[in-house]
Amino acid sequence: MMKVTFMGHSGFLLEMDRVYCLFDYYKGEFPELDTRKKMAVFVSHAHYDHFGKEIFSLRRKFGEILFILSSDIQETEYEDKGDVICAAPNESFDVFGIQVRTLRSNDQGVAYLVHSEEKTVYHAGDLNWWHWEGESEVFNKMIRRTYQSEINKLQNEKIDIAFVPVDPRLGEQYCWGIDCFMKRTDTKCVFPMHFWENYEVFDRLMLENCTEGYRDKIMKIGQEGQTFLLES
């Protein structure tokens, strides 16, 4: 059994048998934590809505903890007590026996692909199909190409849980990123994120023609702190 807790915005806490994986936390109350487990804290990039320095207070709770910080985060932003790993794009490394692979974000920082306890988890960070109406055709074409290129790297993966942006600020293009991801990858369930507390986005997704083939895989979030129990 895997337990997912929505911490807010793009923040999620994933609890597995032997380890926690905390992604892009910057707000929200933690559930009761089993501090006998290991804690791996992932930060995809330096933007305030993905990197909350409160994560370092978890050092006082966990005997075994590591922080995996995107390489765009300046060293002046944290104190390295021998428990920080700097993650650049297109790297692979181990954390507590977890196999971690990074992709290059087309915004800032990295996305994470995590293999742990025979499960595969993807957290996009700000890697997304950012099609902005006010940007030039050249810019939007570059974003599309870089996004699709990175997602194509995941086509041979069997992903159990994915966390993917659906930003309402993009207007009608808010779902292009998740649609591309779900149609190009083998993913069991997906948690939309980065929706700026606009929970109506989930009802919109269920009405989109493009989501018809994977609506049953979309996890509907209704509030911060909501938990989901997923079969192993």
C-alpha atoms as a PDB file:
ATOM      1  CA  MET A   1       0.000   0.000   0.000  1.00  0.00           C
ATOM      2  CA  MET A   2       1.221   3.490  -0.885  1.00  0.00           C
ATOM      3  CA  LYS A   3      -0.167   6.617   0.728  1.00  0.00           C
ATOM      4  CA  VAL A   4      -0.190   9.973  -1.047  1.00  0.00           C
ATOM      5  CA  THR A   5      -0.959  13.197   0.822  1.00  0.00           C
ATOM      6  CA  PHE A   6      -1.618  16.420  -1.082  1.00  0.00           C
ATOM      7  CA  MET A   7       0.339  19.158   0.669  1.00  0.00           C
ATOM      8  CA  GLY A   8      -0.812  21.985  -1.601  1.00  0.00           C
ATOM      9  CA  HIS A   9      -0.039  23.298  -5.093  1.00  0.00           C
ATOM     10  CA  SER A  10       2.700  20.928  -6.386  1.00  0.00           C
ATOM     11  CA  GLY A  11       3.577  19.448  -3.003  1.00  0.00           C
ATOM     12  CA  PHE A  12       2.985  15.771  -2.269  1.00  0.00           C
ATOM     13  CA  LEU A  13       4.077  13.372   0.446  1.00  0.00           C
ATOM     14  CA  LEU A  14       4.405   9.762  -0.688  1.00  0.00           C
ATOM     15  CA  GLU A  15       4.654   7.139   2.055  1.00  0.00           C
ATOM     16  CA  MET A  16       5.972   3.693   1.197  1.00  0.00           C
ATOM     17  CA  ASP A  17       6.909   0.726   3.364  1.00  0.00           C
ATOM     18  CA  ARG A  18      10.397   1.920   4.269  1.00  0.00           C
ATOM     19  CA  VAL A  19      10.678   5.505   3.057  1.00  0.00           C
ATOM     20  CA  TYR A  20       8.880   8.801   2.563  1.00  0.00           C
ATOM     21  CA  CYS A  21       9.324  10.877  -0.574  1.00  0.00           C
ATOM     22  CA  LEU A  22       8.366  14.533  -0.190  1.00  0.00           C
ATOM     23  CA  PHE A  23       8.078  16.546  -3.403  1.00  0.00           C
ATOM     24  CA  ASP A  24       8.111  20.338  -3.841  1.00  0.00           C
ATOM     25  CA  TYR A  25       6.817  21.270  -0.406  1.00  0.00           C
ATOM     26  CA  TYR A  26       6.287  24.905   0.421  1.00  0.00           C
ATOM     27  CA  LYS A  27       3.107  24.901   2.508  1.00  0.00           C
ATOM     28  CA  GLY A  28       0.611  22.640   4.235  1.00  0.00           C
ATOM     29  CA  GLU A  29       0.378  20.660   7.475  1.00  0.00           C
ATOM     30  CA  PHE A  30       2.110  17.326   7.678  1.00  0.00           C
ATOM     31  CA  PRO A  31       0.172  14.239   8.693  1.00  0.00           C
ATOM     32  CA  GLU A  32       1.494  12.121  11.550  1.00  0.00           C
ATOM     33  CA  LEU A  33       4.904  10.861  10.453  1.00  0.00           C
ATOM     34  CA  ASP A  34       6.656   7.617  11.278  1.00  0.00           C
ATOM     35  CA  THR A  35      10.112   8.992  12.004  1.00  0.00           C
ATOM     36  CA  ARG A  36      11.600   5.492  12.034  1.00  0.00           C
ATOM     37  CA  LYS A  37      11.374   5.568   8.251  1.00  0.00           C
ATOM     38  CA  LYS A  38      13.811   7.316   5.956  1.00  0.00           C
ATOM     39  CA  MET A  39      12.871  10.652   4.387  1.00  0.00           C
ATOM     40  CA  ALA A  40      13.919  11.767   0.894  1.00  0.00           C
ATOM     41  CA  VAL A  41      12.996  15.395   0.172  1.00  0.00           C
ATOM     42  CA  PHE A  42      12.889  16.407  -3.503  1.00  0.00           C
ATOM     43  CA  VAL A  43      12.879  20.009  -4.733  1.00  0.00           C
ATOM     44  CA  SER A  44      12.493  20.503  -8.480  1.00  0.00           C
ATOM     45  CA  HIS A  45      13.614  24.143  -8.662  1.00  0.00           C
ATOM     46  CA  ALA A  46      14.048  27.395  -6.781  1.00  0.00           C
ATOM     47  CA  HIS A  47      10.651  29.047  -7.372  1.00  0.00           C
ATOM     48  CA  TYR A  48       8.978  29.962  -4.064  1.00  0.00           C
ATOM     49  CA  ASP A  49       5.942  27.773  -4.786  1.00  0.00           C
ATOM     50  CA  HIS A  50       8.169  24.673  -5.029  1.00  0.00           C
ATOM     51  CA  PHE A  51      10.930  25.336  -2.489  1.00  0.00           C
ATOM     52  CA  GLY A  52       9.973  26.040   1.108  1.00  0.00           C
ATOM     53  CA  LYS A  53      12.913  26.287   3.494  1.00  0.00           C
ATOM     54  CA  GLU A  54      10.702  24.778   6.188  1.00  0.00           C
ATOM     55  CA  ILE A  55      11.731  21.400   4.763  1.00  0.00           C
ATOM     56  CA  PHE A  56      15.012  21.658   6.658  1.00  0.00           C
ATOM     57  CA  SER A  57      13.153  21.529   9.980  1.00  0.00           C
ATOM     58  CA  LEU A  58      12.522  17.853   9.180  1.00  0.00           C
ATOM     59  CA  ARG A  59      16.152  17.268  10.168  1.00  0.00           C
ATOM     60  CA  ARG A  60      14.988  17.435  13.776  1.00  0.00           C
ATOM     61  CA  LYS A  61      12.459  14.649  13.229  1.00  0.00           C
ATOM     62  CA  PHE A  62      14.231  12.068  11.069  1.00  0.00           C
ATOM     63  CA  GLY A  63      17.419  10.202  11.877  1.00  0.00           C
ATOM     64  CA  GLU A  64      17.904   9.389   8.195  1.00  0.00           C
ATOM     65  CA  ILE A  65      17.055  12.204   5.807  1.00  0.00           C
ATOM     66  CA  LEU A  66      18.424  13.464   2.486  1.00  0.00           C
ATOM     67  CA  PHE A  67      17.535  16.577   0.495  1.00  0.00           C
ATOM     68  CA  ILE A  68      17.688  16.315  -3.285  1.00  0.00           C
ATOM     69  CA  LEU A  69      17.810  19.905  -4.537  1.00  0.00           C
ATOM     70  CA  SER A  70      17.815  21.048  -8.138  1.00  0.00           C
ATOM     71  CA  SER A  71      21.130  22.567  -9.203  1.00  0.00           C
ATOM     72  CA  ASP A  72      19.502  25.962  -9.909  1.00  0.00           C
ATOM     73  CA  ILE A  73      19.084  26.479  -6.142  1.00  0.00           C
ATOM     74  CA  GLN A  74      21.950  28.624  -4.865  1.00  0.00           C
ATOM     75  CA  GLU A  75      24.150  27.203  -2.109  1.00  0.00           C
ATOM     76  CA  THR A  76      23.458  30.342  -0.077  1.00  0.00           C
ATOM     77  CA  GLU A  77      19.824  29.231   0.201  1.00  0.00           C
ATOM     78  CA  TYR A  78      20.556  26.247   2.439  1.00  0.00           C
ATOM     79  CA  GLU A  79      23.035  24.746   4.878  1.00  0.00           C
ATOM     80  CA  ASP A  80      24.591  21.505   3.711  1.00  0.00           C
ATOM     81  CA  LYS A  81      25.117  19.220   6.688  1.00  0.00           C
ATOM     82  CA  GLY A  82      26.277  16.372   4.494  1.00  0.00           C
ATOM     83  CA  ASP A  83      22.664  15.517   3.699  1.00  0.00           C
ATOM     84  CA  VAL A  84      22.159  17.525   0.481  1.00  0.00           C
ATOM     85  CA  ILE A  85      22.425  16.150  -3.053  1.00  0.00           C
ATOM     86  CA  CYS A  86      22.616  18.639  -5.925  1.00  0.00           C
ATOM     87  CA  ALA A  87      20.586  17.340  -8.877  1.00  0.00           C
ATOM     88  CA  ALA A  88      21.319  18.616 -12.371  1.00  0.00           C
ATOM     89  CA  PRO A  89      19.298  17.661 -15.477  1.00  0.00           C
ATOM     90  CA  ASN A  90      19.939  14.283 -17.132  1.00  0.00           C
ATOM     91  CA  GLU A  91      21.530  12.623 -14.124  1.00  0.00           C
ATOM     92  CA  SER A  92      20.986   9.268 -12.422  1.00  0.00           C
ATOM     93  CA  PHE A  93      21.920   8.449  -8.823  1.00  0.00           C
ATOM     94  CA  ASP A  94      20.843   6.485  -5.740  1.00  0.00           C
ATOM     95  CA  VAL A  95      19.229   7.831  -2.551  1.00  0.00           C
ATOM     96  CA  PHE A  96      18.570   5.339   0.258  1.00  0.00           C
ATOM     97  CA  GLY A  97      18.432   2.613  -2.393  1.00  0.00           C
ATOM     98  CA  ILE A  98      15.998   4.702  -4.455  1.00  0.00           C
ATOM     99  CA  GLN A  99      17.001   5.073  -8.098  1.00  0.00           C
ATOM    100  CA  VAL A 100      16.558   8.695  -9.138  1.00  0.00           C
ATOM    101  CA  ARG A 101      16.663  10.048 -12.675  1.00  0.00           C
ATOM    102  CA  THR A 102      16.298  13.705 -13.639  1.00  0.00           C
ATOM    103  CA  LEU A 103      14.839  15.313 -16.740  1.00  0.00           C
ATOM    104  CA  ARG A 104      15.449  18.881 -17.867  1.00  0.00           C
ATOM    105  CA  SER A 105      12.596  21.256 -17.175  1.00  0.00           C
ATOM    106  CA  ASN A 106      11.638  23.655 -19.967  1.00  0.00           C
ATOM    107  CA  ASP A 107      10.919  26.268 -17.296  1.00  0.00           C
ATOM    108  CA  GLN A 108      13.482  25.935 -14.499  1.00  0.00           C
ATOM    109  CA  GLY A 109      15.231  23.076 -12.728  1.00  0.00           C
ATOM    110  CA  VAL A 110      14.395  19.408 -13.178  1.00  0.00           C
ATOM    111  CA  ALA A 111      11.673  16.772 -13.163  1.00  0.00           C
ATOM    112  CA  TYR A 112      12.183  13.581 -11.146  1.00  0.00           C
ATOM    113  CA  LEU A 113      11.650   9.938 -12.037  1.00  0.00           C
ATOM    114  CA  VAL A 114      11.944   7.786  -8.933  1.00  0.00           C
ATOM    115  CA  HIS A 115      12.174   4.002  -8.682  1.00  0.00           C
ATOM    116  CA  SER A 116      11.554   2.724  -5.149  1.00  0.00           C
ATOM    117  CA  GLU A 117      10.233  -0.533  -3.690  1.00  0.00           C
ATOM    118  CA  GLU A 118       9.419  -1.812  -7.180  1.00  0.00           C
ATOM    119  CA  LYS A 119       7.330   1.278  -7.916  1.00  0.00           C
ATOM    120  CA  THR A 120       7.971   4.143 -10.331  1.00  0.00           C
ATOM    121  CA  VAL A 121       6.960   7.708  -9.533  1.00  0.00           C
ATOM    122  CA  TYR A 122       7.222  10.816 -11.712  1.00  0.00           C
ATOM    123  CA  HIS A 123       7.090  14.405 -10.461  1.00  0.00           C
ATOM    124  CA  ALA A 124       7.169  17.000 -13.218  1.00  0.00           C
ATOM    125  CA  GLY A 125       8.135  20.067 -11.214  1.00  0.00           C
ATOM    126  CA  ASP A 126       7.564  22.831 -13.778  1.00  0.00           C
ATOM    127  CA  LEU A 127       8.230  20.672 -16.829  1.00  0.00           C
ATOM    128  CA  ASN A 128       5.052  21.327 -18.795  1.00  0.00           C
ATOM    129  CA  TRP A 129       3.560  22.372 -22.117  1.00  0.00           C
ATOM    130  CA  TRP A 130       3.516  26.081 -21.254  1.00  0.00           C
ATOM    131  CA  HIS A 131       1.554  27.559 -24.164  1.00  0.00           C
ATOM    132  CA  TRP A 132       0.960  31.208 -23.282  1.00  0.00           C
ATOM    133  CA  GLU A 133      -1.335  33.297 -25.474  1.00  0.00           C
ATOM    134  CA  GLY A 134       0.843  36.379 -25.038  1.00  0.00           C
ATOM    135  CA  GLU A 135       4.070  34.714 -26.141  1.00  0.00           C
ATOM    136  CA  SER A 136       5.453  34.523 -29.664  1.00  0.00           C
ATOM    137  CA  GLU A 137       4.856  31.568 -31.949  1.00  0.00           C
ATOM    138  CA  VAL A 138       8.596  30.864 -31.860  1.00  0.00           C
ATOM    139  CA  PHE A 139       8.598  30.672 -28.052  1.00  0.00           C
ATOM    140  CA  ASN A 140       5.527  28.448 -27.858  1.00  0.00           C
ATOM    141  CA  LYS A 141       6.922  26.138 -30.535  1.00  0.00           C
ATOM    142  CA  MET A 142      10.170  25.824 -28.565  1.00  0.00           C
ATOM    143  CA  ILE A 143       8.243  24.972 -25.397  1.00  0.00           C
ATOM    144  CA  ARG A 144       6.184  22.347 -27.223  1.00  0.00           C
ATOM    145  CA  ARG A 145       9.232  20.703 -28.740  1.00  0.00           C
ATOM    146  CA  THR A 146      11.243  20.649 -25.522  1.00  0.00           C
ATOM    147  CA  TYR A 147       8.304  19.279 -23.549  1.00  0.00           C
ATOM    148  CA  GLN A 148       7.543  16.503 -26.005  1.00  0.00           C
ATOM    149  CA  SER A 149      11.228  15.620 -26.266  1.00  0.00           C
ATOM    150  CA  GLU A 150      11.515  15.149 -22.491  1.00  0.00           C
ATOM    151  CA  ILE A 151       8.265  13.182 -22.191  1.00  0.00           C
ATOM    152  CA  ASN A 152       9.365  10.890 -25.015  1.00  0.00           C
ATOM    153  CA  LYS A 153      12.245   9.790 -22.762  1.00  0.00           C
ATOM    154  CA  LEU A 154       9.647   8.156 -20.485  1.00  0.00           C
ATOM    155  CA  GLN A 155       7.953   6.000 -23.109  1.00  0.00           C
ATOM    156  CA  ASN A 156       9.686   2.800 -21.966  1.00  0.00           C
ATOM    157  CA  GLU A 157       8.789   3.359 -18.314  1.00  0.00           C
ATOM    158  CA  LYS A 158       5.823   1.842 -16.471  1.00  0.00           C
ATOM    159  CA  ILE A 159       4.840   4.676 -14.152  1.00  0.00           C
ATOM    160  CA  ASP A 160       2.681   3.918 -11.126  1.00  0.00           C
ATOM    161  CA  ILE A 161       2.087   7.490  -9.937  1.00  0.00           C
ATOM    162  CA  ALA A 162       2.617  10.762 -11.810  1.00  0.00           C
ATOM    163  CA  PHE A 163       2.281  14.352 -10.628  1.00  0.00           C
ATOM    164  CA  VAL A 164       1.687  16.653 -13.624  1.00  0.00           C
ATOM    165  CA  PRO A 165       0.782  20.383 -13.928  1.00  0.00           C
ATOM    166  CA  VAL A 166      -2.639  21.617 -15.084  1.00  0.00           C
ATOM    167  CA  ASP A 167      -2.259  25.384 -14.693  1.00  0.00           C
ATOM    168  CA  PRO A 168      -5.571  27.280 -15.250  1.00  0.00           C
ATOM    169  CA  ARG A 169      -3.647  30.440 -16.153  1.00  0.00           C
ATOM    170  CA  LEU A 170      -2.924  28.832 -19.524  1.00  0.00           C
ATOM    171  CA  GLY A 171      -6.582  29.161 -20.533  1.00  0.00           C
ATOM    172  CA  GLU A 172      -7.841  26.511 -22.922  1.00  0.00           C
ATOM    173  CA  GLN A 173      -4.311  25.110 -23.169  1.00  0.00           C
ATOM    174  CA  TYR A 174      -4.219  24.152 -19.457  1.00  0.00           C
ATOM    175  CA  CYS A 175      -4.597  20.442 -20.237  1.00  0.00           C
ATOM    176  CA  TRP A 176      -2.173  20.091 -23.152  1.00  0.00           C
ATOM    177  CA  GLY A 177       0.680  18.980 -20.914  1.00  0.00           C
ATOM    178  CA  ILE A 178      -1.192  16.273 -19.003  1.00  0.00           C
ATOM    179  CA  ASP A 179      -2.854  15.056 -22.203  1.00  0.00           C
ATOM    180  CA  CYS A 180       0.481  14.659 -23.973  1.00  0.00           C
ATOM    181  CA  PHE A 181       1.941  12.933 -20.918  1.00  0.00           C
ATOM    182  CA  MET A 182      -0.902  10.451 -20.482  1.00  0.00           C
ATOM    183  CA  LYS A 183      -1.043   9.560 -24.177  1.00  0.00           C
ATOM    184  CA  ARG A 184       2.714   9.055 -24.535  1.00  0.00           C
ATOM    185  CA  THR A 185       3.436   7.183 -21.285  1.00  0.00           C
ATOM    186  CA  ASP A 186       2.252   4.011 -19.582  1.00  0.00           C
ATOM    187  CA  THR A 187       0.916   5.561 -16.368  1.00  0.00           C
ATOM    188  CA  LYS A 188      -1.479   3.943 -13.880  1.00  0.00           C
ATOM    189  CA  CYS A 189      -2.678   7.069 -12.088  1.00  0.00           C
ATOM    190  CA  VAL A 190      -2.008  10.780 -12.364  1.00  0.00           C
ATOM    191  CA  PHE A 191      -2.380  13.592  -9.837  1.00  0.00           C
ATOM    192  CA  PRO A 192      -2.971  16.976 -11.495  1.00  0.00           C
ATOM    193  CA  MET A 193      -1.093  19.755  -9.683  1.00  0.00           C
ATOM    194  CA  HIS A 194       0.000  23.400  -9.905  1.00  0.00           C
ATOM    195  CA  PHE A 195      -3.633  24.511 -10.191  1.00  0.00           C
ATOM    196  CA  TRP A 196      -3.385  27.437  -7.730  1.00  0.00           C
ATOM    197  CA  GLU A 197      -6.224  26.205  -5.449  1.00  0.00           C
ATOM    198  CA  ASN A 198      -8.644  26.248  -8.393  1.00  0.00           C
ATOM    199  CA  TYR A 199     -10.223  22.862  -7.665  1.00  0.00           C
ATOM    200  CA  GLU A 200     -12.768  23.362 -10.441  1.00  0.00           C
ATOM    201  CA  VAL A 201     -10.012  22.298 -12.818  1.00  0.00           C
ATOM    202  CA  PHE A 202     -10.823  18.668 -11.969  1.00  0.00           C
ATOM    203  CA  ASP A 203     -14.414  19.001 -13.198  1.00  0.00           C
ATOM    204  CA  ARG A 204     -13.081  20.642 -16.358  1.00  0.00           C
ATOM    205  CA  LEU A 205     -10.693  17.767 -16.967  1.00  0.00           C
ATOM    206  CA  MET A 206     -13.526  15.257 -16.714  1.00  0.00           C
ATOM    207  CA  LEU A 207     -15.440  17.103 -19.441  1.00  0.00           C
ATOM    208  CA  GLU A 208     -12.562  17.463 -21.911  1.00  0.00           C
ATOM    209  CA  ASN A 209     -12.858  15.251 -24.973  1.00  0.00           C
ATOM    210  CA  CYS A 210      -9.115  14.617 -24.888  1.00  0.00           C
ATOM    211  CA  THR A 211      -9.233  12.954 -21.443  1.00  0.00           C
ATOM    212  CA  GLU A 212     -11.832  10.342 -22.379  1.00  0.00           C
ATOM    213  CA  GLY A 213      -9.293   7.534 -22.620  1.00  0.00           C
ATOM    214  CA  TYR A 214      -7.730   8.089 -19.183  1.00  0.00           C
ATOM    215  CA  ARG A 215     -10.318   9.829 -16.978  1.00  0.00           C
ATOM    216  CA  ASP A 216     -10.423   6.817 -14.672  1.00  0.00           C
ATOM    217  CA  LYS A 217      -6.706   7.351 -13.986  1.00  0.00           C
ATOM    218  CA  ILE A 218      -7.081  10.981 -12.861  1.00  0.00           C
ATOM    219  CA  MET A 219      -7.013  11.357  -9.075  1.00  0.00           C
ATOM    220  CA  LYS A 220      -9.449  14.069  -8.027  1.00  0.00           C
ATOM    221  CA  ILE A 221      -8.140  16.376  -5.305  1.00  0.00           C
ATOM    222  CA  GLY A 222     -10.619  18.346  -3.227  1.00  0.00           C
ATOM    223  CA  GLN A 223      -8.541  19.950  -0.486  1.00  0.00           C
ATOM    224  CA  GLU A 224      -5.121  20.320   1.062  1.00  0.00           C
ATOM    225  CA  GLY A 225      -4.206  17.451   3.352  1.00  0.00           C
ATOM    226  CA  GLN A 226      -6.315  14.968   1.407  1.00  0.00           C
ATOM    227  CA  THR A 227      -4.874  11.454   1.413  1.00  0.00           C
ATOM    228  CA  PHE A 228      -5.108   8.654  -1.109  1.00  0.00           C
ATOM    229  CA  LEU A 229      -4.387   4.986  -0.447  1.00  0.00           C
ATOM    230  CA  LEU A 230      -3.133   3.209  -3.533  1.00  0.00           C
ATOM    231  CA  GLU A 231      -2.745  -0.537  -3.933  1.00  0.00           C
ATOM    232  CA  SER A 232       0.826  -1.777  -4.253  1.00  0.00           C
END
